[in-house]
C-alpha cells in the first residue's frame, strides 16, 4: 500500500491516508479562504486601520430596523419559499419516482432526462420562458412572492432527483411494496409507512439541497421583480457593504447548522446488540437412568 491510491491486481482501491488528507485540505481551503476573507473585511476599521468588532456590535444592537428592515421581510420570504419548494418537489417527485420504479421501469430513463434537463438551461433563459406563465398566473392567483416556489421547484429538480435516486438504488422497493401489499396494507400505507422511511436519507438530502438553492438564488427573483434574501442583500450592500457581508456570513452559518441538523436526523440510531450468553444445559448420565 502506497501513500497514494492502493492497487491490487490492477484494481484501484481507496486512496491512502496522505492522499485523503491532501484532498480534504485542498477542499477545506477552497471553502475557508473566501469565508475568512469575508470575516476580515467586516472587521476592518476603514481608513483608521486595524480591526475591531464595532460593525458586528452595532448591527446586533440596532437590530434589523430602519434601512435593514427589508432584510427581515426578505428572510421571511426566502424561508417561506424554501418550505413551499420542498413541499412541491417532494410531494410530486417522490411518489412519481416510486411509481415509475415499481410499475413502469421502462420509463426510468425518460424520467431521469426530464428531471436533469433544467440543470442545462441557464436561469435567464428559464425566466424568459416563465415570464408569460407568471403573467397569466398573476391574473388568477396574484403576483405574490410565493409564486416563485413554482420556478424554484424546476431549478432544484435535478439536485433533488439525484439525491433521492441514489438512495432508491440501494433499496429493493418492489419487494418491500409487494410484501406490504401481501400483508394487507393499502398503497397509502405502503408509501408512508414502508417506502418513505427507507428513503429518509435521500429525501432529507434532497430537501436540504432545495433549501440551500432557494436561500442562495438571485437571478430568477431579480428578473421577475420579486424580493428574497439575496436581492435584499444586494440593495443593502449599495449603502452598507459591511452589514451585507455580515448578514451573508450569518446566512452561511444558519445553512451550516441546518446541514448538521439534517445529517443528525438522517443518521440511523442503532443500539449496540447485547452479547448472547448461552444457558448451560444439564445432561443426565446413563448411570442415573433406571
Protein backbone atom coordinates (compact mmCIF):
# COMPACT_ATOMS: atom_id res chain seq x y z
CA UNK A 1 0.00 0.00 0.00
CA UNK A 2 1.49 3.33 -1.05
CA UNK A 3 0.71 6.85 0.16
CA UNK A 4 -1.44 7.40 -2.92
CA UNK A 5 -4.09 5.11 -4.33
CA UNK A 6 -3.60 1.47 -3.41
CA UNK A 7 -3.87 -1.14 -6.14
CA UNK A 8 -4.23 -4.88 -6.08
CA UNK A 9 -4.08 -6.88 -9.33
CA UNK A 10 -4.61 -3.67 -11.29
CA UNK A 11 -7.81 -2.73 -9.41
CA UNK A 12 -7.84 0.70 -7.75
CA UNK A 13 -8.87 0.88 -4.10
CA UNK A 14 -9.44 3.69 -1.62
CA UNK A 15 -6.71 6.38 -1.52
CA UNK A 16 -4.17 6.31 1.26
CA UNK A 17 -4.24 8.46 4.37
CA UNK A 18 -1.87 11.10 2.97
CA UNK A 19 -3.91 11.42 -0.23
CA UNK A 20 -7.14 11.80 1.76
CA UNK A 21 -5.57 14.49 3.94
CA UNK A 22 -4.36 16.40 0.87
CA UNK A 23 -7.76 16.22 -0.80
CA UNK A 24 -9.62 17.28 2.35
CA UNK A 25 -7.09 20.05 2.96
CA UNK A 26 -7.49 21.39 -0.57
CA UNK A 27 -11.29 21.30 -0.37
CA UNK A 28 -11.13 22.93 3.06
CA UNK A 29 -9.04 25.79 1.69
CA UNK A 30 -11.49 26.36 -1.14
CA UNK A 31 -14.25 26.93 1.43
CA UNK A 32 -12.18 28.55 4.18
CA UNK A 33 -10.35 31.25 2.21
CA UNK A 34 -13.48 33.14 0.99
CA UNK A 35 -15.13 32.89 4.41
CA UNK A 36 -12.01 34.16 6.20
CA UNK A 37 -11.75 36.99 3.67
CA UNK A 38 -15.36 37.97 4.38
CA UNK A 39 -14.71 37.95 8.14
CA UNK A 40 -11.56 40.05 7.68
CA UNK A 41 -13.50 42.53 5.55
CA UNK A 42 -16.18 43.03 8.23
CA UNK A 43 -13.56 43.65 10.93
CA UNK A 44 -11.73 46.46 9.11
CA UNK A 45 -11.76 49.92 10.67
CA UNK A 46 -11.60 51.73 7.34
CA UNK A 47 -9.03 54.48 6.91
CA UNK A 48 -8.13 54.35 10.60
CA UNK A 49 -6.57 50.93 10.19
CA UNK A 50 -6.70 47.89 12.41
CA UNK A 51 -9.58 45.58 13.25
CA UNK A 52 -12.44 45.54 15.73
CA UNK A 53 -15.98 44.16 16.18
CA UNK A 54 -17.69 47.55 16.10
CA UNK A 55 -19.79 46.82 13.00
CA UNK A 56 -20.95 43.48 14.38
CA UNK A 57 -21.91 45.10 17.68
CA UNK A 58 -23.79 47.95 16.00
CA UNK A 59 -25.73 45.56 13.79
CA UNK A 60 -26.84 43.40 16.72
CA UNK A 61 -27.61 46.40 18.94
CA UNK A 62 -29.73 48.18 16.37
CA UNK A 63 -31.37 45.04 15.05
CA UNK A 64 -32.97 44.71 11.62
CA UNK A 65 -34.68 48.10 11.80
CA UNK A 66 -34.55 51.23 9.72
CA UNK A 67 -32.66 50.64 6.50
CA UNK A 68 -32.21 46.98 7.42
CA UNK A 69 -35.92 46.26 7.86
CA UNK A 70 -36.28 44.89 4.28
CA UNK A 71 -33.77 42.17 5.21
CA UNK A 72 -36.15 40.69 7.77
CA UNK A 73 -39.08 40.70 5.35
CA UNK A 74 -36.88 39.18 2.64
CA UNK A 75 -35.67 36.49 5.04
CA UNK A 76 -39.27 35.55 5.83
CA UNK A 77 -39.97 35.38 2.09
CA UNK A 78 -36.99 33.12 1.46
CA UNK A 79 -37.88 30.76 4.30
CA UNK A 80 -41.46 30.52 3.04
CA UNK A 81 -40.20 29.89 -0.49
CA UNK A 82 -37.85 27.17 0.78
CA UNK A 83 -40.69 25.39 2.60
CA UNK A 84 -43.01 25.70 -0.40
CA UNK A 85 -40.36 24.48 -2.83
CA UNK A 86 -39.51 21.45 -0.70
CA UNK A 87 -43.20 20.59 -0.38
CA UNK A 88 -43.86 20.91 -4.11
CA UNK A 89 -40.80 18.94 -5.17
CA UNK A 90 -41.09 16.11 -2.66
CA UNK A 91 -44.86 15.68 -2.88
CA UNK A 92 -44.68 15.44 -6.67
CA UNK A 93 -41.27 13.83 -7.18
CA UNK A 94 -41.13 11.04 -4.58
CA UNK A 95 -44.44 9.32 -5.49
CA UNK A 96 -43.64 9.68 -9.20
CA UNK A 97 -40.21 8.10 -8.81
CA UNK A 98 -41.61 5.23 -6.77
CA UNK A 99 -44.44 4.64 -9.24
CA UNK A 100 -42.04 4.54 -12.17
CA UNK A 101 -39.59 2.34 -10.27
CA UNK A 102 -42.27 -0.20 -9.28
CA UNK A 103 -44.81 -0.18 -12.10
CA UNK A 104 -43.13 1.40 -15.14
CA UNK A 105 -39.38 0.62 -15.04
CA UNK A 106 -39.06 1.30 -18.77
CA UNK A 107 -39.82 4.97 -18.12
CA UNK A 108 -36.91 5.46 -15.69
CA UNK A 109 -34.60 6.83 -18.37
CA UNK A 110 -37.27 9.23 -19.63
CA UNK A 111 -37.98 10.47 -16.12
CA UNK A 112 -34.27 10.95 -15.47
CA UNK A 113 -33.84 13.04 -18.61
CA UNK A 114 -36.83 15.22 -17.74
CA UNK A 115 -35.59 15.78 -14.18
CA UNK A 116 -31.98 16.50 -15.14
CA UNK A 117 -32.89 18.77 -18.06
CA UNK A 118 -33.36 22.02 -16.03
CA UNK A 119 -29.71 22.00 -14.94
CA UNK A 120 -28.66 22.53 -18.56
CA UNK A 121 -30.92 25.57 -19.03
CA UNK A 122 -29.47 28.93 -17.89
CA UNK A 123 -31.55 30.80 -15.33
CA UNK A 124 -32.03 33.81 -17.61
CA UNK A 125 -33.39 31.55 -20.37
CA UNK A 126 -35.68 29.90 -17.85
CA UNK A 127 -37.01 33.30 -16.81
CA UNK A 128 -37.75 34.24 -20.43
CA UNK A 129 -39.86 31.12 -20.75
CA UNK A 130 -41.55 31.53 -17.36
CA UNK A 131 -42.39 35.24 -17.70
CA UNK A 132 -45.55 34.66 -19.82
CA UNK A 133 -46.61 31.89 -17.44
CA UNK A 134 -46.24 34.18 -14.43
CA UNK A 135 -48.18 36.95 -16.18
CA UNK A 136 -51.11 34.57 -16.64
CA UNK A 137 -50.69 33.25 -13.12
CA UNK A 138 -50.82 36.80 -11.73
CA UNK A 139 -54.31 37.32 -13.20
CA UNK A 140 -55.80 34.42 -11.27
CA UNK A 141 -53.83 33.99 -8.04
CA UNK A 142 -51.89 37.25 -7.79
CA UNK A 143 -48.22 38.08 -8.17
CA UNK A 144 -47.03 37.43 -4.63
CA UNK A 145 -43.51 36.29 -3.91
CA UNK A 146 -44.80 32.80 -3.08
CA UNK A 147 -45.31 32.13 -6.79
CA UNK A 148 -41.53 31.83 -7.12
CA UNK A 149 -41.86 28.40 -5.50
CA UNK A 150 -43.06 27.00 -8.82
CA UNK A 151 -39.96 28.30 -10.62
CA UNK A 152 -37.67 27.17 -7.82
CA UNK A 153 -39.27 23.73 -7.95
CA UNK A 154 -37.97 23.41 -11.51
CA UNK A 155 -34.45 24.62 -10.67
CA UNK A 156 -33.97 22.24 -7.71
CA UNK A 157 -35.49 19.26 -9.51
CA UNK A 158 -32.15 17.84 -10.81
CA UNK A 159 -30.48 18.02 -7.39
CA UNK A 160 -33.42 16.51 -5.52
CA UNK A 161 -33.78 13.76 -8.13
CA UNK A 162 -30.15 12.67 -7.89
CA UNK A 163 -30.22 12.67 -4.08
CA UNK A 164 -33.37 10.53 -3.92
CA UNK A 165 -32.34 8.26 -6.79
CA UNK A 166 -29.02 7.41 -5.15
CA UNK A 167 -30.94 6.23 -2.08
CA UNK A 168 -33.58 4.50 -4.19
CA UNK A 169 -30.96 2.40 -5.99
CA UNK A 170 -29.93 0.84 -2.69
CA UNK A 171 -33.46 -0.15 -1.59
CA UNK A 172 -35.48 -3.01 -3.06
CA UNK A 173 -38.73 -1.04 -3.12
CA UNK A 174 -40.53 -3.58 -5.28
CA UNK A 175 -40.02 -6.40 -2.77
CA UNK A 176 -40.97 -4.12 0.12
CA UNK A 177 -44.13 -2.92 -1.59
CA UNK A 178 -45.19 -6.45 -2.59
CA UNK A 179 -44.60 -7.72 0.94
CA UNK A 180 -46.62 -4.87 2.44
CA UNK A 181 -49.45 -5.40 -0.05
CA UNK A 182 -49.47 -9.13 0.73
CA UNK A 183 -49.93 -8.30 4.41
CA UNK A 184 -52.97 -6.17 3.56
CA UNK A 185 -51.53 -2.64 3.53
CA UNK A 186 -53.04 -0.06 1.19
CA UNK A 187 -50.96 1.97 -1.21
CA UNK A 188 -51.03 4.97 1.14
CA UNK A 189 -49.71 2.81 3.97
CA UNK A 190 -47.07 1.28 1.71
CA UNK A 191 -45.87 4.74 0.70
CA UNK A 192 -45.91 6.44 4.09
CA UNK A 193 -45.07 3.58 6.46
CA UNK A 194 -42.79 1.35 4.37
CA UNK A 195 -41.13 3.15 1.45
CA UNK A 196 -40.66 6.70 2.73
CA UNK A 197 -38.88 5.62 5.97
CA UNK A 198 -36.42 3.59 3.87
CA UNK A 199 -35.78 6.64 1.66
CA UNK A 200 -35.35 9.03 4.57
CA UNK A 201 -31.73 9.87 3.87
CA UNK A 202 -32.31 10.65 0.21
CA UNK A 203 -35.41 12.72 0.96
CA UNK A 204 -33.62 14.72 3.65
CA UNK A 205 -30.62 15.27 1.37
CA UNK A 206 -32.91 16.46 -1.42
CA UNK A 207 -34.75 18.75 0.98
CA UNK A 208 -31.52 20.32 2.23
CA UNK A 209 -30.23 20.89 -1.28
CA UNK A 210 -33.54 22.52 -2.19
CA UNK A 211 -33.33 24.83 0.82
CA UNK A 212 -29.72 25.75 0.03
CA UNK A 213 -30.55 26.55 -3.60
CA UNK A 214 -33.58 28.66 -2.67
CA UNK A 215 -31.72 30.66 0.00
CA UNK A 216 -28.90 31.45 -2.44
CA UNK A 217 -30.97 32.14 -5.56
CA UNK A 218 -30.79 35.66 -7.02
CA UNK A 219 -31.23 35.66 -10.81
CA UNK A 220 -34.83 34.45 -11.10
CA UNK A 221 -36.09 36.63 -8.24
CA UNK A 222 -34.33 39.70 -9.61
CA UNK A 223 -35.55 39.30 -13.20
CA UNK A 224 -39.11 38.57 -12.07
CA UNK A 225 -39.04 41.58 -9.69
CA UNK A 226 -39.56 39.54 -6.53
CA UNK A 227 -37.91 40.18 -3.16
CA UNK A 228 -35.95 37.44 -1.45
CA UNK A 229 -32.90 37.36 0.81
CA UNK A 230 -30.30 37.71 -1.94
CA UNK A 231 -32.00 40.62 -3.72
CA UNK A 232 -32.41 42.43 -0.39
CA UNK A 233 -28.72 41.92 0.42
CA UNK A 234 -27.78 43.49 -2.90
CA UNK A 235 -29.92 46.55 -2.10
CA UNK A 236 -28.37 46.89 1.37
CA UNK A 237 -24.83 46.43 0.04
CA UNK A 238 -25.15 49.60 -2.04
CA UNK A 239 -25.41 51.65 1.14
CA UNK A 240 -23.55 49.49 3.68
CA UNK A 241 -21.42 46.69 2.20
CA UNK A 242 -20.07 45.69 5.62
CA UNK A 243 -23.51 44.86 7.04
CA UNK A 244 -24.42 42.97 3.86
CA UNK A 245 -21.33 40.76 4.24
CA UNK A 246 -22.11 40.19 7.94
CA UNK A 247 -25.64 39.09 7.09
CA UNK A 248 -24.27 36.81 4.36
CA UNK A 249 -21.97 35.18 6.91
CA UNK A 250 -24.91 34.66 9.26
CA UNK A 251 -26.87 33.05 6.43
CA UNK A 252 -23.95 30.68 5.78
CA UNK A 253 -23.82 29.83 9.48
CA UNK A 254 -27.54 29.04 9.53
CA UNK A 255 -27.14 26.83 6.46
CA UNK A 256 -24.28 25.00 8.20
CA UNK A 257 -26.45 24.39 11.27
CA UNK A 258 -29.22 23.14 9.01
CA UNK A 259 -26.78 20.71 7.41
CA UNK A 260 -25.76 19.37 10.82
CA UNK A 261 -29.40 19.01 11.90
CA UNK A 262 -30.41 17.14 8.76
CA UNK A 263 -27.34 14.95 8.98
CA UNK A 264 -28.30 14.14 12.56
CA UNK A 265 -31.84 13.27 11.54
CA UNK A 266 -30.66 11.13 8.67
CA UNK A 267 -28.31 9.04 10.81
CA UNK A 268 -29.75 5.73 11.82
CA UNK A 269 -29.62 5.31 15.55
CA UNK A 270 -28.57 1.77 16.21
CA UNK A 271 -28.37 0.36 19.70
CA UNK A 272 -25.44 -1.92 20.36
CA UNK A 273 -26.51 -5.52 20.32
CA UNK A 274 -26.21 -7.35 23.60
CA UNK A 275 -23.87 -10.27 23.71
CA UNK A 276 -25.79 -13.53 23.80
CA UNK A 277 -24.74 -15.83 26.63
CA UNK A 278 -25.93 -19.41 26.09
CA UNK A 279 -27.57 -21.05 29.09
CA UNK A 280 -25.70 -24.17 30.11
CA UNK A 281 -27.82 -27.31 29.94
CA UNK A 282 -27.51 -30.19 32.35
CA UNK A 283 -27.42 -33.63 30.87
CA UNK A 284 -28.14 -36.80 32.76
CA UNK A 285 -25.65 -39.57 32.60
CA UNK A 286 -26.52 -43.07 31.66
CA UNK A 287 -25.93 -44.31 35.25
CA UNK A 288 -28.74 -42.15 36.61
CA UNK A 289 -31.32 -43.77 34.38
CA UNK A 290 -33.03 -46.83 35.63
